Amino acid sequence: MISFSFTKPGYLVLLVIIPLIILIHFLTLKRKRTSALKFANFDAIAKIRGIDLISKNISILVLTAIISLLLVLSLSGFVLHRQMEASSFSFVIAVDSSSSMEAKDISPTRLDAAKETSSLFADKVNPGSKVGIVSFSGNAVIETDLTDDIILIKQSIEKIRLSSVGGTDLSEAIITSANLLEGEDAKAVILISDGRINVGTVDEVILSANKKDIVVHTIGIGTVEGGQTQFAMSKLDEDSLTAVAYNTGGKYFQAQNKAQLDDSFNSILDFKIKKVSTDMTHSLLLIVLILLVLEYVLINTRYKVFP
C-alpha cells in the first residue's frame, strides 16, 4: 500500500496559483485573438502567438501547471509512505501500568498477565532481534533500552509495578518507544493496555507513530464485562486501540484471558510488513529543474512564434 503525507501542509494553499495561471493564460489568449482578427492577412493571423492552441499554448500551459504543482508539493514536504516485507523487527513492548490494570478479570490481574505473556514473547523472538521495554500511565518510563539480552528483558518486565502517576497517556508511550527504536530498520511497538485513554488523544498517538514509520500492534487486555479496581469498574476501550493499530499498519487483538494474550504475541511474530517513508523534496526539485529546461527549449525551438 502506498500513501503520502506533508511535513509542512500550510504551503498547500499555494496550489491556488495553478487555476490563476490557467485563468490568466486564457484571458491573455482571448485578448490576442481579438487583436489578431483586425488583420486581413490570415497568414499573419496564424503567426500570432496564441492562435495554435493545441500545439503551442496548451502544451506550454500544461507544462507550467505541472512545474507549479511540483514546486508546491516540494515546499509542503511531500513524503511517500510504502509498505515492504521485513525479515525481522526490533520491538518495544509498552505495558500499561495505570491503576485500571489492577483489575482481576484476567487472573491474577491484568498487569500480571501482561507481564507473564510479554516475558514468554521474549523467548520467541528471532535470534539477534532487539527488544525494549516501556511502562506507561500518565507518563512513560523506559524499563530497558533495546537489547538482545533475554535475561535483562525478562528482569525489566518483572520489575514493572502499578504506577502512582494518574492517567493513561498512549501518546507519551509511543513517543518514548519511538525514541528507543530510532535508527532501526523495521520497527514495531506492541502496546498492551485496557485502552482507557484519559491523557492526550488517539490522533496524537497515530501521528507520533506514523512520523517515525512505526507499526503499532495493540492488545486490548480485559473482559467485556470489565473488572473491579479500588476506584471503579474498568472496562476495555476497544475503539481507541483498534484505531491506533489500523491507522499505523498494525493489528488489534482482544485478549480476555492468558491464552488469547499468548496467541496475540504469536500472531505478531508472523507479521512481516514494515513501513518505509521517503522524503520526496529533493526528487521533486530535480524534476522541476528538468521540466524548466524542457520548457525553455520548447519555447525557443518548436513552439517559437516569429512576428
Foldseek 3Di string as FASTA:
>chain_A
DKDKDFPAQVLVVLLVVLVVLVVVLVVVLVVQLVVLVVDPDVVVSVLGPNPPCPPFVVVLSVLVNLLSVLQSCLVRFMKMKDKDFAPFEAEEEEEEQEQQQQFCLEPPTNLVLLLVLVLVLLVVGDQPHWYWYWYFFPAIDTLGATDNPSVSVNVSSVPDHRDPDHFHDLLRSLLVQLVSCPPPDFAEYEYEELPPHDPDALVSNLVSQVVSQYQYEYENEADQVAGQGPVGGDHRDVVSRCVNRVSSVHYYFYDSYSVSVNVSSVVVSVDGMTMDMDRCNVVSVVVSVVSVVVSVVCCVPVNPRDD
